[in-house]
């Protein structure tokens, strides 16, 4: 059994909590030892976890936290740049991050995962390559797709045989078509259909998706 700490106690942190609970429950149903012992959350803001029906507590703040033993960490945040910043901060202090995959996901056996990924329920096809600290949140990831470090795909996103750079955010119900390349730090708005390559840092919206500025 591994001791584990969730970094950030917001909405996605609670989803990570649910994944850990589900993994443990599935193990118990098979008569196996629970894989994880949740020590608690790290948060820099006050959070009432009881109101979210989370049976755990905040045990410290992120900025002043140093690993204290052999515990592993799970990153409970989905904003790409914040993932990069917080993971680098804690890794510089010796933290090791766990990749967590919901038992309700369908993940082909040859998918490659980096460190610290979080996968909620849905599907990842054969040959996909998932970088470090990637969140795949209720998304379809097609065969041969590549998702770069710190990127996030959200609910009902369809990533076909496409390549996403680092720190890419893909909004709910967006579709990225075959063989398209999405540059680092790009933002794909919800419900967009991406039919062409996207340059680094661009914000895309629409059907077909076009560049826009907030």
N, C-alpha and C. Protein backbone atom coordinates (compact mmCIF):
# COMPACT_ATOMS: atom_id res chain seq x y z
N UNK A 1 0.84 -1.19 0.00
CA UNK A 1 0.00 0.00 0.00
C UNK A 1 0.88 1.24 0.00
N UNK A 2 0.53 2.20 -0.86
CA UNK A 2 1.28 3.44 -0.94
C UNK A 2 0.53 4.55 -0.21
N UNK A 3 1.26 5.34 0.56
CA UNK A 3 0.70 6.59 1.08
C UNK A 3 0.66 7.60 -0.06
N UNK A 4 -0.46 8.32 -0.17
CA UNK A 4 -0.61 9.26 -1.27
C UNK A 4 -1.23 10.56 -0.76
N UNK A 5 -0.80 11.67 -1.36
CA UNK A 5 -1.30 13.00 -1.02
C UNK A 5 -1.78 13.66 -2.30
N UNK A 6 -2.96 14.27 -2.25
CA UNK A 6 -3.50 15.00 -3.40
C UNK A 6 -3.11 16.46 -3.29
N UNK A 7 -2.52 16.99 -4.35
CA UNK A 7 -2.10 18.39 -4.40
C UNK A 7 -3.23 19.21 -5.01
N UNK A 8 -3.81 20.10 -4.24
CA UNK A 8 -4.96 20.96 -4.57
C UNK A 8 -6.26 20.26 -4.21
N UNK A 9 -7.15 21.03 -3.58
CA UNK A 9 -8.40 20.46 -3.06
C UNK A 9 -9.63 21.08 -3.69
N UNK A 10 -9.49 21.55 -4.94
CA UNK A 10 -10.64 22.10 -5.65
C UNK A 10 -11.46 21.00 -6.31
N UNK A 11 -12.22 21.39 -7.35
CA UNK A 11 -13.11 20.44 -7.99
C UNK A 11 -12.40 19.24 -8.58
N UNK A 12 -11.30 19.47 -9.29
CA UNK A 12 -10.60 18.33 -9.88
C UNK A 12 -9.86 17.51 -8.83
N UNK A 13 -9.40 18.18 -7.76
CA UNK A 13 -8.81 17.43 -6.65
C UNK A 13 -9.78 16.42 -6.07
N UNK A 14 -11.06 16.82 -6.00
CA UNK A 14 -12.08 15.90 -5.50
C UNK A 14 -12.32 14.75 -6.48
N UNK A 15 -12.19 15.02 -7.80
CA UNK A 15 -12.28 13.94 -8.77
C UNK A 15 -11.13 12.95 -8.60
N UNK A 16 -9.94 13.46 -8.32
CA UNK A 16 -8.81 12.57 -8.07
C UNK A 16 -9.07 11.72 -6.83
N UNK A 17 -9.65 12.34 -5.80
CA UNK A 17 -10.06 11.60 -4.59
C UNK A 17 -11.00 10.45 -4.98
N UNK A 18 -11.97 10.73 -5.85
CA UNK A 18 -12.92 9.69 -6.26
C UNK A 18 -12.23 8.55 -7.00
N UNK A 19 -11.23 8.88 -7.82
CA UNK A 19 -10.49 7.84 -8.54
C UNK A 19 -9.76 6.94 -7.56
N UNK A 20 -9.10 7.55 -6.56
CA UNK A 20 -8.38 6.75 -5.56
C UNK A 20 -9.34 5.85 -4.80
N UNK A 21 -10.49 6.41 -4.40
CA UNK A 21 -11.49 5.62 -3.70
C UNK A 21 -11.97 4.46 -4.57
N UNK A 22 -12.17 4.70 -5.86
CA UNK A 22 -12.64 3.67 -6.77
C UNK A 22 -11.59 2.57 -6.95
N UNK A 23 -10.33 2.97 -7.10
CA UNK A 23 -9.25 1.98 -7.23
C UNK A 23 -9.20 1.09 -6.00
N UNK A 24 -9.28 1.70 -4.83
CA UNK A 24 -9.25 0.93 -3.58
C UNK A 24 -10.45 0.00 -3.48
N UNK A 25 -11.63 0.50 -3.85
CA UNK A 25 -12.84 -0.31 -3.75
C UNK A 25 -12.78 -1.53 -4.68
N UNK A 26 -12.29 -1.32 -5.90
CA UNK A 26 -12.17 -2.43 -6.84
C UNK A 26 -11.21 -3.50 -6.33
N UNK A 27 -10.12 -3.05 -5.69
CA UNK A 27 -9.17 -4.01 -5.12
C UNK A 27 -9.82 -4.83 -4.00
N UNK A 28 -10.56 -4.15 -3.13
CA UNK A 28 -11.24 -4.84 -2.03
C UNK A 28 -12.26 -5.85 -2.55
N UNK A 29 -12.96 -5.51 -3.64
CA UNK A 29 -13.94 -6.43 -4.21
C UNK A 29 -13.28 -7.71 -4.71
N UNK A 30 -12.00 -7.61 -5.08
CA UNK A 30 -11.26 -8.79 -5.53
C UNK A 30 -10.55 -9.51 -4.39
N UNK A 31 -10.74 -9.00 -3.16
CA UNK A 31 -10.07 -9.59 -2.01
C UNK A 31 -8.61 -9.22 -1.90
N UNK A 32 -8.22 -8.13 -2.56
CA UNK A 32 -6.83 -7.69 -2.55
C UNK A 32 -6.64 -6.52 -1.60
N UNK A 33 -5.40 -6.25 -1.23
CA UNK A 33 -5.09 -5.10 -0.39
C UNK A 33 -5.35 -3.81 -1.16
N UNK A 34 -5.85 -2.80 -0.48
CA UNK A 34 -6.05 -1.50 -1.10
C UNK A 34 -4.70 -0.93 -1.55
N UNK A 35 -4.59 -0.43 -2.77
CA UNK A 35 -3.30 0.11 -3.25
C UNK A 35 -2.87 1.40 -2.57
N UNK A 36 -3.85 2.20 -2.09
CA UNK A 36 -3.51 3.53 -1.61
C UNK A 36 -4.07 3.82 -0.23
N UNK A 37 -3.27 4.54 0.55
CA UNK A 37 -3.70 5.12 1.82
C UNK A 37 -3.62 6.63 1.68
N UNK A 38 -4.77 7.28 1.58
CA UNK A 38 -4.79 8.73 1.37
C UNK A 38 -4.48 9.46 2.66
N UNK A 39 -3.36 10.21 2.65
CA UNK A 39 -2.96 10.96 3.83
C UNK A 39 -3.72 12.28 3.93
N UNK A 40 -4.15 12.83 2.79
CA UNK A 40 -4.90 14.08 2.80
C UNK A 40 -4.55 14.94 1.60
N UNK A 41 -4.96 16.20 1.68
CA UNK A 41 -4.79 17.16 0.59
C UNK A 41 -3.78 18.24 1.00
N UNK A 42 -3.14 18.83 -0.02
CA UNK A 42 -2.39 20.07 0.16
C UNK A 42 -3.18 21.18 -0.53
N UNK A 43 -3.31 22.32 0.13
CA UNK A 43 -4.05 23.43 -0.46
C UNK A 43 -3.55 24.75 0.09
N UNK A 44 -3.44 25.74 -0.79
CA UNK A 44 -3.03 27.08 -0.37
C UNK A 44 -4.21 27.97 -0.04
N UNK A 45 -5.42 27.45 -0.19
CA UNK A 45 -6.64 28.20 0.15
C UNK A 45 -7.49 27.37 1.09
N UNK A 46 -8.30 28.04 1.88
CA UNK A 46 -9.18 27.33 2.81
C UNK A 46 -10.29 26.61 2.02
N UNK A 47 -10.45 25.33 2.32
CA UNK A 47 -11.44 24.51 1.62
C UNK A 47 -12.21 23.69 2.64
N UNK A 48 -13.54 23.71 2.51
CA UNK A 48 -14.39 22.88 3.37
C UNK A 48 -14.67 21.57 2.64
N UNK A 49 -13.83 20.57 2.89
CA UNK A 49 -13.97 19.30 2.18
C UNK A 49 -15.23 18.55 2.59
N UNK A 50 -15.71 18.77 3.81
CA UNK A 50 -16.91 18.07 4.27
C UNK A 50 -18.12 18.43 3.40
N UNK A 51 -18.15 19.67 2.91
CA UNK A 51 -19.27 20.09 2.07
C UNK A 51 -19.24 19.40 0.71
N UNK A 52 -18.08 18.84 0.36
CA UNK A 52 -17.95 18.14 -0.91
C UNK A 52 -18.03 16.62 -0.73
N UNK A 53 -18.40 16.20 0.47
CA UNK A 53 -18.54 14.77 0.79
C UNK A 53 -17.23 14.02 0.56
N UNK A 54 -16.16 14.66 0.97
CA UNK A 54 -14.83 14.06 0.89
C UNK A 54 -14.38 13.70 2.29
N UNK A 55 -14.10 12.44 2.51
CA UNK A 55 -13.70 11.96 3.84
C UNK A 55 -12.19 12.07 4.00
N UNK A 56 -11.71 13.31 4.04
CA UNK A 56 -10.28 13.56 4.21
C UNK A 56 -10.11 15.00 4.67
N UNK A 57 -8.86 15.42 4.88
CA UNK A 57 -8.58 16.75 5.39
C UNK A 57 -7.41 17.39 4.64
N UNK A 58 -7.30 18.70 4.78
CA UNK A 58 -6.13 19.43 4.28
C UNK A 58 -5.04 19.32 5.34
N UNK A 59 -3.89 18.77 4.94
CA UNK A 59 -2.82 18.51 5.91
C UNK A 59 -1.69 19.53 5.82
N UNK A 60 -1.74 20.44 4.86
CA UNK A 60 -0.70 21.45 4.74
C UNK A 60 -0.90 22.30 3.51
N UNK A 61 -0.10 23.37 3.40
CA UNK A 61 -0.17 24.21 2.21
C UNK A 61 0.94 23.84 1.25
N UNK A 62 0.72 24.11 -0.02
CA UNK A 62 1.64 23.65 -1.07
C UNK A 62 2.97 24.38 -1.00
N UNK A 63 2.92 25.70 -0.84
CA UNK A 63 4.14 26.50 -0.94
C UNK A 63 5.17 26.14 0.13
N UNK A 64 4.70 25.70 1.29
CA UNK A 64 5.62 25.41 2.40
C UNK A 64 5.76 23.92 2.68
N UNK A 65 5.32 23.09 1.75
CA UNK A 65 5.34 21.64 1.98
C UNK A 65 6.62 21.01 1.45
N UNK A 66 7.19 20.12 2.26
CA UNK A 66 8.33 19.31 1.85
C UNK A 66 8.00 17.85 2.09
N UNK A 67 8.30 16.96 1.13
CA UNK A 67 8.04 15.53 1.33
C UNK A 67 8.66 15.04 2.63
N UNK A 68 7.90 14.18 3.33
CA UNK A 68 8.31 13.77 4.66
C UNK A 68 8.64 12.29 4.77
N UNK A 69 8.44 11.54 3.71
CA UNK A 69 8.70 10.11 3.78
C UNK A 69 8.70 9.50 2.41
N UNK A 70 8.06 8.35 2.27
CA UNK A 70 8.02 7.66 0.98
C UNK A 70 6.69 7.86 0.27
N UNK A 71 5.92 8.88 0.67
CA UNK A 71 4.62 9.09 0.07
C UNK A 71 4.75 9.51 -1.40
N UNK A 72 3.69 9.22 -2.17
CA UNK A 72 3.61 9.70 -3.55
C UNK A 72 2.52 10.77 -3.61
N UNK A 73 2.48 11.49 -4.73
CA UNK A 73 1.57 12.62 -4.87
C UNK A 73 0.74 12.48 -6.15
N UNK A 74 -0.46 13.05 -6.10
CA UNK A 74 -1.33 13.12 -7.27
C UNK A 74 -1.74 14.57 -7.46
N UNK A 75 -1.63 15.06 -8.69
CA UNK A 75 -1.87 16.47 -8.95
C UNK A 75 -3.35 16.70 -9.27
N UNK A 76 -4.06 17.36 -8.35
CA UNK A 76 -5.49 17.56 -8.49
C UNK A 76 -5.85 18.91 -9.06
N UNK A 77 -5.24 19.26 -10.17
CA UNK A 77 -5.51 20.54 -10.82
C UNK A 77 -5.41 20.33 -12.32
N UNK A 78 -6.19 21.09 -13.10
CA UNK A 78 -6.25 20.84 -14.54
C UNK A 78 -5.67 21.96 -15.39
N UNK A 79 -5.41 23.13 -14.83
CA UNK A 79 -4.87 24.24 -15.62
C UNK A 79 -3.42 23.95 -16.01
N UNK A 80 -3.10 23.89 -17.30
CA UNK A 80 -1.76 23.44 -17.72
C UNK A 80 -0.59 24.16 -17.07
N UNK A 81 -0.58 25.49 -17.07
CA UNK A 81 0.58 26.21 -16.52
C UNK A 81 0.70 26.02 -15.01
N UNK A 82 -0.44 25.91 -14.32
CA UNK A 82 -0.39 25.65 -12.88
C UNK A 82 0.13 24.24 -12.60
N UNK A 83 -0.22 23.29 -13.46
CA UNK A 83 0.32 21.94 -13.29
C UNK A 83 1.84 21.94 -13.41
N UNK A 84 2.33 22.65 -14.41
CA UNK A 84 3.78 22.70 -14.61
C UNK A 84 4.46 23.36 -13.41
N UNK A 85 3.91 24.48 -12.97
CA UNK A 85 4.52 25.24 -11.87
C UNK A 85 4.54 24.43 -10.57
N UNK A 86 3.41 23.85 -10.20
CA UNK A 86 3.33 23.14 -8.92
C UNK A 86 4.09 21.82 -8.94
N UNK A 87 4.03 21.11 -10.06
CA UNK A 87 4.78 19.85 -10.12
C UNK A 87 6.28 20.11 -10.06
N UNK A 88 6.74 21.14 -10.75
CA UNK A 88 8.17 21.47 -10.70
C UNK A 88 8.59 21.90 -9.30
N UNK A 89 7.73 22.66 -8.62
CA UNK A 89 8.04 23.09 -7.27
C UNK A 89 8.23 21.89 -6.35
N UNK A 90 7.27 20.97 -6.36
CA UNK A 90 7.33 19.84 -5.44
C UNK A 90 8.38 18.81 -5.86
N UNK A 91 8.57 18.63 -7.16
CA UNK A 91 9.62 17.71 -7.60
C UNK A 91 11.01 18.22 -7.21
N UNK A 92 11.17 19.55 -7.19
CA UNK A 92 12.47 20.10 -6.78
C UNK A 92 12.77 19.80 -5.31
N UNK A 93 11.73 19.46 -4.56
CA UNK A 93 11.88 19.12 -3.14
C UNK A 93 11.87 17.61 -2.91
N UNK A 94 11.83 16.84 -4.01
CA UNK A 94 11.93 15.39 -3.89
C UNK A 94 10.64 14.62 -4.03
N UNK A 95 9.54 15.29 -4.39
CA UNK A 95 8.25 14.60 -4.52
C UNK A 95 8.24 13.72 -5.76
N UNK A 96 7.55 12.58 -5.63
CA UNK A 96 7.31 11.69 -6.76
C UNK A 96 5.81 11.62 -7.01
N UNK A 97 5.43 11.73 -8.28
CA UNK A 97 4.02 11.78 -8.64
C UNK A 97 3.54 10.47 -9.25
N UNK A 98 2.34 10.07 -8.84
CA UNK A 98 1.72 8.84 -9.30
C UNK A 98 0.83 9.12 -10.51
N UNK A 99 0.80 8.19 -11.46
CA UNK A 99 -0.20 8.21 -12.52
C UNK A 99 -1.40 7.39 -12.08
N UNK A 100 -2.59 7.99 -12.12
CA UNK A 100 -3.82 7.33 -11.67
C UNK A 100 -4.78 7.18 -12.83
N UNK A 101 -5.29 5.97 -13.01
CA UNK A 101 -6.21 5.68 -14.10
C UNK A 101 -7.48 5.09 -13.50
N UNK A 102 -8.61 5.72 -13.77
CA UNK A 102 -9.87 5.23 -13.25
C UNK A 102 -10.13 3.80 -13.72
N UNK A 103 -10.61 2.92 -12.84
CA UNK A 103 -10.96 1.56 -13.26
C UNK A 103 -12.06 1.53 -14.31
N UNK A 104 -12.77 2.64 -14.48
CA UNK A 104 -13.83 2.70 -15.47
C UNK A 104 -13.35 3.23 -16.82
N UNK A 105 -12.05 3.46 -16.95
CA UNK A 105 -11.48 3.84 -18.24
C UNK A 105 -11.20 2.59 -19.07
N UNK A 106 -11.20 2.77 -20.37
CA UNK A 106 -10.79 1.71 -21.30
C UNK A 106 -9.48 2.17 -21.91
N UNK A 107 -8.39 1.55 -21.49
CA UNK A 107 -7.05 1.97 -21.91
C UNK A 107 -6.33 0.78 -22.51
N UNK A 108 -5.91 0.90 -23.75
CA UNK A 108 -5.18 -0.19 -24.38
C UNK A 108 -3.87 -0.46 -23.66
N UNK A 109 -3.46 -1.73 -23.66
CA UNK A 109 -2.30 -2.15 -22.87
C UNK A 109 -0.99 -1.52 -23.32
N UNK A 110 -0.90 -1.05 -24.58
CA UNK A 110 0.38 -0.51 -25.04
C UNK A 110 0.45 1.01 -25.02
N UNK A 111 -0.52 1.66 -24.38
CA UNK A 111 -0.47 3.12 -24.23
C UNK A 111 0.70 3.50 -23.33
N UNK A 112 1.46 4.50 -23.71
CA UNK A 112 2.59 4.97 -22.92
C UNK A 112 2.18 6.18 -22.09
N UNK A 113 2.43 6.11 -20.79
CA UNK A 113 2.12 7.20 -19.89
C UNK A 113 3.39 7.77 -19.29
N UNK A 114 3.43 9.09 -19.13
CA UNK A 114 4.49 9.72 -18.39
C UNK A 114 4.15 9.75 -16.90
N UNK A 115 4.85 10.59 -16.18
CA UNK A 115 4.66 10.73 -14.74
C UNK A 115 3.45 11.61 -14.43
N UNK A 116 2.73 11.27 -13.37
CA UNK A 116 1.74 12.17 -12.81
C UNK A 116 0.49 12.40 -13.64
N UNK A 117 0.12 11.46 -14.51
CA UNK A 117 -1.08 11.62 -15.32
C UNK A 117 -2.33 11.23 -14.51
N UNK A 118 -3.45 11.84 -14.87
CA UNK A 118 -4.74 11.49 -14.26
C UNK A 118 -5.72 11.19 -15.40
N UNK A 119 -6.31 9.99 -15.36
CA UNK A 119 -7.24 9.58 -16.40
C UNK A 119 -8.58 9.23 -15.75
N UNK A 120 -9.61 10.01 -16.09
CA UNK A 120 -10.95 9.68 -15.62
C UNK A 120 -11.59 8.73 -16.63
N UNK A 121 -12.84 8.36 -16.39
CA UNK A 121 -13.46 7.33 -17.22
C UNK A 121 -13.64 7.76 -18.67
N UNK A 122 -13.17 6.95 -19.58
CA UNK A 122 -13.43 7.01 -21.02
C UNK A 122 -12.43 6.11 -21.71
N UNK A 123 -11.83 6.52 -22.84
CA UNK A 123 -11.11 5.56 -23.67
C UNK A 123 -9.84 6.14 -24.26
N UNK A 124 -8.76 5.33 -24.23
CA UNK A 124 -7.50 5.68 -24.89
C UNK A 124 -7.08 4.49 -25.74
N UNK A 125 -6.89 4.72 -27.03
CA UNK A 125 -6.63 3.63 -27.97
C UNK A 125 -5.15 3.28 -28.07
N UNK A 126 -4.90 2.16 -28.76
CA UNK A 126 -3.54 1.63 -28.89
C UNK A 126 -2.59 2.64 -29.53
N UNK A 127 -1.34 2.59 -29.07
CA UNK A 127 -0.29 3.41 -29.66
C UNK A 127 -0.26 4.85 -29.23
N UNK A 128 -1.22 5.26 -28.40
CA UNK A 128 -1.20 6.65 -27.93
C UNK A 128 -0.04 6.87 -26.97
N UNK A 129 0.48 8.09 -26.96
CA UNK A 129 1.57 8.45 -26.07
C UNK A 129 1.14 9.67 -25.25
N UNK A 130 1.12 9.48 -23.93
CA UNK A 130 0.64 10.51 -23.02
C UNK A 130 1.82 11.02 -22.21
N UNK A 131 2.09 12.32 -22.27
CA UNK A 131 3.26 12.89 -21.60
C UNK A 131 3.10 12.99 -20.09
N UNK A 132 3.97 13.76 -19.47
CA UNK A 132 3.97 13.94 -18.02
C UNK A 132 2.88 14.93 -17.59
N UNK A 133 2.20 14.60 -16.47
CA UNK A 133 1.21 15.49 -15.85
C UNK A 133 0.10 15.89 -16.83
N UNK A 134 -0.35 14.92 -17.59
CA UNK A 134 -1.47 15.12 -18.51
C UNK A 134 -2.75 14.68 -17.82
N UNK A 135 -3.82 15.47 -17.98
CA UNK A 135 -5.15 15.08 -17.50
C UNK A 135 -5.99 14.69 -18.71
N UNK A 136 -6.46 13.45 -18.72
CA UNK A 136 -7.40 13.00 -19.74
C UNK A 136 -8.73 12.82 -19.02
N UNK A 137 -9.62 13.79 -19.18
CA UNK A 137 -10.83 13.87 -18.36
C UNK A 137 -12.05 13.55 -19.21
N UNK A 138 -12.47 12.29 -19.20
CA UNK A 138 -13.65 11.90 -19.94
C UNK A 138 -13.52 12.11 -21.43
N UNK A 139 -12.35 11.81 -21.99
CA UNK A 139 -12.05 12.08 -23.39
C UNK A 139 -11.81 10.79 -24.17
N UNK A 140 -12.02 10.87 -25.47
CA UNK A 140 -11.63 9.81 -26.39
C UNK A 140 -10.29 10.19 -27.01
N UNK A 141 -9.29 9.33 -26.85
CA UNK A 141 -7.97 9.58 -27.43
C UNK A 141 -7.70 8.47 -28.43
N UNK A 142 -7.52 8.84 -29.68
CA UNK A 142 -7.43 7.87 -30.75
C UNK A 142 -6.07 7.21 -30.88
N UNK A 143 -6.04 6.18 -31.71
CA UNK A 143 -4.83 5.41 -31.96
C UNK A 143 -3.72 6.31 -32.50
N UNK A 144 -2.55 6.23 -31.88
CA UNK A 144 -1.40 6.99 -32.34
C UNK A 144 -1.35 8.44 -31.92
N UNK A 145 -2.34 8.89 -31.17
CA UNK A 145 -2.34 10.28 -30.72
C UNK A 145 -1.19 10.53 -29.74
N UNK A 146 -0.69 11.76 -29.73
CA UNK A 146 0.37 12.17 -28.80
C UNK A 146 -0.12 13.41 -28.05
N UNK A 147 -0.04 13.36 -26.73
CA UNK A 147 -0.44 14.50 -25.90
C UNK A 147 0.76 14.93 -25.07
N UNK A 148 1.19 16.18 -25.24
CA UNK A 148 2.40 16.68 -24.60
C UNK A 148 2.24 16.98 -23.12
N UNK A 149 3.35 17.18 -22.45
CA UNK A 149 3.41 17.41 -21.01
C UNK A 149 2.48 18.54 -20.58
N UNK A 150 1.82 18.35 -19.42
CA UNK A 150 0.99 19.34 -18.72
C UNK A 150 -0.30 19.69 -19.46
N UNK A 151 -0.62 19.00 -20.53
CA UNK A 151 -1.85 19.30 -21.27
C UNK A 151 -3.07 18.72 -20.57
N UNK A 152 -4.24 19.26 -20.91
CA UNK A 152 -5.51 18.80 -20.34
C UNK A 152 -6.55 18.68 -21.44
N UNK A 153 -7.21 17.51 -21.49
CA UNK A 153 -8.37 17.34 -22.36
C UNK A 153 -9.58 17.11 -21.47
N UNK A 154 -10.70 17.77 -21.76
CA UNK A 154 -11.85 17.74 -20.86
C UNK A 154 -12.98 16.89 -21.44
N UNK A 155 -14.15 16.94 -20.80
CA UNK A 155 -15.23 16.01 -21.06
C UNK A 155 -15.69 15.92 -22.51
N UNK A 156 -15.77 14.69 -23.02
CA UNK A 156 -16.28 14.37 -24.36
C UNK A 156 -15.44 14.96 -25.48
N UNK A 157 -14.20 15.28 -25.16
CA UNK A 157 -13.24 15.68 -26.20
C UNK A 157 -12.87 14.47 -27.04
N UNK A 158 -12.69 14.69 -28.35
CA UNK A 158 -12.27 13.62 -29.25
C UNK A 158 -10.94 14.01 -29.87
N UNK A 159 -9.88 13.37 -29.41
CA UNK A 159 -8.53 13.59 -29.95
C UNK A 159 -8.25 12.42 -30.88
N UNK A 160 -8.29 12.64 -32.18
CA UNK A 160 -8.05 11.54 -33.11
C UNK A 160 -6.54 11.31 -33.22
N UNK A 161 -6.07 10.89 -34.35
CA UNK A 161 -4.63 10.66 -34.53
C UNK A 161 -3.94 12.01 -34.70
N UNK A 162 -3.92 12.78 -33.61
CA UNK A 162 -3.38 14.14 -33.63
C UNK A 162 -2.23 14.25 -32.64
N UNK A 163 -1.46 15.33 -32.77
CA UNK A 163 -0.33 15.57 -31.87
C UNK A 163 -0.54 16.90 -31.16
N UNK A 164 -0.60 16.84 -29.83
CA UNK A 164 -0.75 18.04 -29.00
C UNK A 164 0.59 18.36 -28.36
N UNK A 165 0.97 19.63 -28.38
CA UNK A 165 2.20 20.05 -27.74
C UNK A 165 2.05 20.14 -26.23
N UNK A 166 2.93 20.88 -25.60
CA UNK A 166 2.90 21.06 -24.15
C UNK A 166 1.89 22.14 -23.74
N UNK A 167 1.28 21.92 -22.57
CA UNK A 167 0.39 22.91 -21.94
C UNK A 167 -0.81 23.28 -22.82
N UNK A 168 -1.27 22.34 -23.62
CA UNK A 168 -2.46 22.55 -24.44
C UNK A 168 -3.71 22.28 -23.61
N UNK A 169 -4.72 23.12 -23.77
CA UNK A 169 -6.01 22.90 -23.09
C UNK A 169 -7.08 22.72 -24.16
N UNK A 170 -7.83 21.62 -24.03
CA UNK A 170 -8.88 21.32 -25.00
C UNK A 170 -10.22 21.29 -24.26
N UNK A 171 -11.12 22.20 -24.64
CA UNK A 171 -12.40 22.33 -23.97
C UNK A 171 -13.38 21.21 -24.31
N UNK A 172 -14.43 21.11 -23.52
CA UNK A 172 -15.43 20.05 -23.63
C UNK A 172 -16.04 19.98 -25.02
N UNK A 173 -16.20 18.73 -25.52
CA UNK A 173 -16.86 18.43 -26.79
C UNK A 173 -16.08 18.92 -28.01
N UNK A 174 -14.86 19.36 -27.84
CA UNK A 174 -14.05 19.75 -29.00
C UNK A 174 -13.55 18.50 -29.72
N UNK A 175 -13.32 18.63 -31.03
CA UNK A 175 -12.80 17.54 -31.85
C UNK A 175 -11.57 18.03 -32.59
N UNK A 176 -10.50 17.25 -32.52
CA UNK A 176 -9.28 17.55 -33.28
C UNK A 176 -9.10 16.44 -34.30
N UNK A 177 -9.11 16.80 -35.56
CA UNK A 177 -9.12 15.81 -36.63
C UNK A 177 -7.76 15.15 -36.84
N UNK A 178 -7.79 14.09 -37.64
CA UNK A 178 -6.62 13.25 -37.88
C UNK A 178 -5.41 14.04 -38.36
N UNK A 179 -4.25 13.68 -37.80
CA UNK A 179 -2.94 14.15 -38.25
C UNK A 179 -2.71 15.65 -38.06
N UNK A 180 -3.56 16.31 -37.27
CA UNK A 180 -3.35 17.73 -37.00
C UNK A 180 -2.35 17.90 -35.86
N UNK A 181 -1.60 18.99 -35.94
CA UNK A 181 -0.60 19.30 -34.93
C UNK A 181 -1.01 20.57 -34.20
N UNK A 182 -1.04 20.48 -32.86
CA UNK A 182 -1.44 21.59 -32.02
C UNK A 182 -0.21 22.07 -31.26
N UNK A 183 0.17 23.33 -31.43
CA UNK A 183 1.38 23.86 -30.84
C UNK A 183 1.29 24.05 -29.33
N UNK A 184 2.44 24.21 -28.70
CA UNK A 184 2.51 24.44 -27.26
C UNK A 184 1.62 25.62 -26.84
N UNK A 185 0.99 25.49 -25.67
CA UNK A 185 0.21 26.57 -25.05
C UNK A 185 -1.03 26.98 -25.84
N UNK A 186 -1.45 26.17 -26.80
CA UNK A 186 -2.69 26.47 -27.53
C UNK A 186 -3.90 26.22 -26.64
N UNK A 187 -4.99 26.92 -26.94
CA UNK A 187 -6.25 26.77 -26.23
C UNK A 187 -7.34 26.48 -27.26
N UNK A 188 -7.99 25.33 -27.10
CA UNK A 188 -9.07 24.94 -28.00
C UNK A 188 -10.38 25.07 -27.23
N UNK A 189 -11.23 25.99 -27.64
CA UNK A 189 -12.47 26.26 -26.91
C UNK A 189 -13.46 25.10 -27.06
N UNK A 190 -14.40 25.04 -26.13
CA UNK A 190 -15.42 24.00 -26.13
C UNK A 190 -16.19 23.98 -27.45
N UNK A 191 -16.52 22.76 -27.89
CA UNK A 191 -17.37 22.52 -29.07
C UNK A 191 -16.70 22.93 -30.38
N UNK A 192 -15.40 23.16 -30.38
CA UNK A 192 -14.71 23.54 -31.61
C UNK A 192 -14.33 22.31 -32.44
N UNK A 193 -14.23 22.50 -33.74
CA UNK A 193 -13.79 21.45 -34.66
C UNK A 193 -12.51 21.92 -35.33
N UNK A 194 -11.41 21.28 -34.96
CA UNK A 194 -10.10 21.68 -35.46
C UNK A 194 -9.76 20.85 -36.69
N UNK A 195 -9.68 21.54 -37.85
CA UNK A 195 -9.45 20.84 -39.11
C UNK A 195 -8.11 21.22 -39.74
N UNK A 196 -7.34 22.06 -39.07
CA UNK A 196 -6.03 22.46 -39.56
C UNK A 196 -5.05 22.53 -38.41
N UNK A 197 -3.76 22.61 -38.71
CA UNK A 197 -2.75 22.73 -37.66
C UNK A 197 -2.93 24.04 -36.91
N UNK A 198 -2.54 24.03 -35.63
CA UNK A 198 -2.69 25.21 -34.78
C UNK A 198 -1.32 25.64 -34.28
N UNK A 199 -0.98 26.90 -34.47
CA UNK A 199 0.32 27.41 -34.04
C UNK A 199 0.37 27.56 -32.52
N UNK A 200 1.59 27.57 -31.99
CA UNK A 200 1.79 27.70 -30.54
C UNK A 200 1.12 28.96 -30.01
N UNK A 201 0.45 28.82 -28.87
CA UNK A 201 -0.14 29.95 -28.19
C UNK A 201 -1.45 30.44 -28.75
N UNK A 202 -1.95 29.85 -29.82
CA UNK A 202 -3.19 30.33 -30.44
C UNK A 202 -4.41 29.86 -29.66
N UNK A 203 -5.46 30.68 -29.67
CA UNK A 203 -6.76 30.34 -29.11
C UNK A 203 -7.72 30.10 -30.26
N UNK A 204 -8.37 28.93 -30.24
CA UNK A 204 -9.20 28.53 -31.37
C UNK A 204 -10.64 28.30 -30.93
N UNK A 205 -11.59 28.74 -31.78
CA UNK A 205 -13.00 28.55 -31.48
C UNK A 205 -13.80 28.43 -32.76
N UNK A 206 -14.82 27.57 -32.74
CA UNK A 206 -15.77 27.53 -33.84
C UNK A 206 -15.74 26.25 -34.63
N UNK A 207 -16.64 26.19 -35.65
CA UNK A 207 -16.76 25.05 -36.54
C UNK A 207 -16.77 25.58 -37.97
N UNK A 208 -15.67 25.47 -38.70
CA UNK A 208 -14.37 24.98 -38.22
C UNK A 208 -13.71 26.01 -37.30
N UNK A 209 -12.76 25.56 -36.49
CA UNK A 209 -12.13 26.44 -35.51
C UNK A 209 -11.25 27.49 -36.19
N UNK A 210 -11.39 28.72 -35.69
CA UNK A 210 -10.56 29.82 -36.16
C UNK A 210 -9.93 30.53 -34.97
N UNK A 211 -8.84 31.23 -35.22
CA UNK A 211 -8.12 31.93 -34.15
C UNK A 211 -8.95 33.10 -33.63
N UNK A 212 -8.91 33.28 -32.30
CA UNK A 212 -9.58 34.43 -31.70
C UNK A 212 -8.77 34.90 -30.50
N UNK A 213 -9.02 36.10 -30.04
CA UNK A 213 -8.37 36.65 -28.84
C UNK A 213 -9.42 37.05 -27.84
N UNK A 214 -9.18 36.68 -26.55
CA UNK A 214 -10.11 37.05 -25.50
C UNK A 214 -9.99 38.54 -25.18
